[in-house]
C-alpha cells in the first residue's frame, strides 16, 4: 500500500468516526441532555476536525513537495490559510 493510499485510508477512517460523533451530538440535543455534556462532545469534535484538517494539509504538502519547483507558493499559502480560519 502506497503512502498516499495509507494517508487517504487514515483520513477517511477519522472522518467516519467524526461523522458518528456528530450524530451523537444530534441525539444528545434530541434527548435534551445536559448542556455541559453536549458542549464537551462538541469541543472534542471541533478538536478532531482540526486534527484531521492538519493531516489533510500534511498530505497535500507532501504531494506538493515532490513537485515543489512547479508549485505556486501563493497556492501553498492559500491552502494553509484555509485551514487556519
C-alpha atoms as a PDB file:
ATOM      1  CA  UNK A   1       0.000   0.000   0.000  1.00  0.00           C
ATOM      2  CA  UNK A   2       1.436   3.374  -1.005  1.00  0.00           C
ATOM      3  CA  UNK A   3       1.894   6.199   1.478  1.00  0.00           C
ATOM      4  CA  UNK A   4      -0.763   8.253  -0.295  1.00  0.00           C
ATOM      5  CA  UNK A   5      -3.266   5.410  -0.046  1.00  0.00           C
ATOM      6  CA  UNK A   6      -2.426   4.897   3.635  1.00  0.00           C
ATOM      7  CA  UNK A   7      -2.963   8.625   4.287  1.00  0.00           C
ATOM      8  CA  UNK A   8      -6.289   8.536   2.463  1.00  0.00           C
ATOM      9  CA  UNK A   9      -7.463   5.461   4.379  1.00  0.00           C
ATOM     10  CA  UNK A  10      -6.460   7.001   7.716  1.00  0.00           C
ATOM     11  CA  UNK A  11      -8.203  10.285   6.921  1.00  0.00           C
ATOM     12  CA  UNK A  12     -11.391   8.546   5.782  1.00  0.00           C
ATOM     13  CA  UNK A  13     -11.423   6.446   8.952  1.00  0.00           C
ATOM     14  CA  UNK A  14     -11.129   9.554  11.119  1.00  0.00           C
ATOM     15  CA  UNK A  15     -13.844  11.364   9.158  1.00  0.00           C
ATOM     16  CA  UNK A  16     -16.202   8.414   9.630  1.00  0.00           C
ATOM     17  CA  UNK A  17     -15.516   8.489  13.359  1.00  0.00           C
ATOM     18  CA  UNK A  18     -16.266  12.214  13.355  1.00  0.00           C
ATOM     19  CA  UNK A  19     -19.491  11.565  11.493  1.00  0.00           C
ATOM     20  CA  UNK A  20     -20.537   9.244  14.307  1.00  0.00           C
ATOM     21  CA  UNK A  21     -19.669  11.864  16.913  1.00  0.00           C
ATOM     22  CA  UNK A  22     -21.792  14.462  15.103  1.00  0.00           C
ATOM     23  CA  UNK A  23     -24.696  12.009  15.048  1.00  0.00           C
ATOM     24  CA  UNK A  24     -24.116  11.576  18.777  1.00  0.00           C
ATOM     25  CA  UNK A  25     -24.389  15.346  19.205  1.00  0.00           C
ATOM     26  CA  UNK A  26     -27.687  15.367  17.324  1.00  0.00           C
ATOM     27  CA  UNK A  27     -29.041  12.594  19.517  1.00  0.00           C
ATOM     28  CA  UNK A  28     -27.936  14.394  22.667  1.00  0.00           C
ATOM     29  CA  UNK A  29     -29.799  17.533  21.585  1.00  0.00           C
ATOM     30  CA  UNK A  30     -32.893  15.489  20.704  1.00  0.00           C
ATOM     31  CA  UNK A  31     -32.785  13.851  24.147  1.00  0.00           C
ATOM     32  CA  UNK A  32     -32.380  17.230  25.925  1.00  0.00           C
ATOM     33  CA  UNK A  33     -29.116  16.147  27.524  1.00  0.00           C
ATOM     34  CA  UNK A  34     -27.225  18.495  29.806  1.00  0.00           C
ATOM     35  CA  UNK A  35     -25.641  21.450  28.043  1.00  0.00           C
ATOM     36  CA  UNK A  36     -22.256  20.682  29.598  1.00  0.00           C
ATOM     37  CA  UNK A  37     -22.311  17.156  28.127  1.00  0.00           C
ATOM     38  CA  UNK A  38     -23.214  18.494  24.688  1.00  0.00           C
ATOM     39  CA  UNK A  39     -20.562  21.200  24.818  1.00  0.00           C
ATOM     40  CA  UNK A  40     -17.941  18.711  25.989  1.00  0.00           C
ATOM     41  CA  UNK A  41     -18.612  16.461  22.995  1.00  0.00           C
ATOM     42  CA  UNK A  42     -18.768  19.482  20.698  1.00  0.00           C
ATOM     43  CA  UNK A  43     -15.345  20.572  21.911  1.00  0.00           C
ATOM     44  CA  UNK A  44     -13.973  17.104  21.162  1.00  0.00           C
ATOM     45  CA  UNK A  45     -15.499  17.133  17.676  1.00  0.00           C
ATOM     46  CA  UNK A  46     -14.010  20.540  16.976  1.00  0.00           C
ATOM     47  CA  UNK A  47     -10.555  19.360  18.087  1.00  0.00           C
ATOM     48  CA  UNK A  48     -10.850  16.206  15.996  1.00  0.00           C
ATOM     49  CA  UNK A  49     -11.841  18.260  12.938  1.00  0.00           C
ATOM     50  CA  UNK A  50      -8.815  20.493  13.430  1.00  0.00           C
ATOM     51  CA  UNK A  51      -6.604  17.443  13.742  1.00  0.00           C
ATOM     52  CA  UNK A  52      -7.898  15.765  10.589  1.00  0.00           C
ATOM     53  CA  UNK A  53      -7.567  19.092   8.771  1.00  0.00           C
ATOM     54  CA  UNK A  54      -3.901  19.176   9.718  1.00  0.00           C
ATOM     55  CA  UNK A  55      -3.468  15.621   8.421  1.00  0.00           C
ATOM     56  CA  UNK A  56      -5.051  16.603   5.121  1.00  0.00           C
ATOM     57  CA  UNK A  57      -2.738  19.620   4.909  1.00  0.00           C
ATOM     58  CA  UNK A  58       0.305  17.455   5.640  1.00  0.00           C
ATOM     59  CA  UNK A  59      -0.683  15.001   2.913  1.00  0.00           C
ATOM     60  CA  UNK A  60      -1.205  17.874   0.477  1.00  0.00           C
ATOM     61  CA  UNK A  61       2.170  19.421   1.327  1.00  0.00           C
ATOM     62  CA  UNK A  62       3.915  16.064   0.960  1.00  0.00           C
ATOM     63  CA  UNK A  63       2.473  15.788  -2.551  1.00  0.00           C
ATOM     64  CA  UNK A  64       3.482  19.361  -3.355  1.00  0.00           C
ATOM     65  CA  UNK A  65       6.986  18.786  -2.066  1.00  0.00           C
ATOM     66  CA  UNK A  66       7.503  16.210  -4.799  1.00  0.00           C
ATOM     67  CA  UNK A  67       6.582  18.907  -7.341  1.00  0.00           C
ATOM     68  CA  UNK A  68       7.970  21.889  -5.441  1.00  0.00           C
ATOM     69  CA  UNK A  69       9.563  23.535  -8.458  1.00  0.00           C
ATOM     70  CA  UNK A  70       6.168  23.567 -10.212  1.00  0.00           C
ATOM     71  CA  UNK A  71       4.110  24.570  -7.170  1.00  0.00           C
ATOM     72  CA  UNK A  72       2.998  28.193  -6.873  1.00  0.00           C
ATOM     73  CA  UNK A  73       3.976  29.474  -3.391  1.00  0.00           C
ATOM     74  CA  UNK A  74       0.803  31.576  -3.295  1.00  0.00           C
ATOM     75  CA  UNK A  75      -1.234  28.391  -3.672  1.00  0.00           C
ATOM     76  CA  UNK A  76       0.503  26.856  -0.654  1.00  0.00           C
ATOM     77  CA  UNK A  77      -0.169  29.956   1.429  1.00  0.00           C
ATOM     78  CA  UNK A  78      -3.828  29.921   0.382  1.00  0.00           C
ATOM     79  CA  UNK A  79      -4.216  26.281   1.453  1.00  0.00           C
ATOM     80  CA  UNK A  80      -2.640  26.962   4.853  1.00  0.00           C
ATOM     81  CA  UNK A  81      -4.916  29.970   5.352  1.00  0.00           C
ATOM     82  CA  UNK A  82      -7.985  27.851   4.599  1.00  0.00           C
ATOM     83  CA  UNK A  83      -7.089  25.541   7.465  1.00  0.00           C
ATOM     84  CA  UNK A  84      -6.393  28.368   9.904  1.00  0.00           C
ATOM     85  CA  UNK A  85      -9.773  30.098   9.533  1.00  0.00           C
END
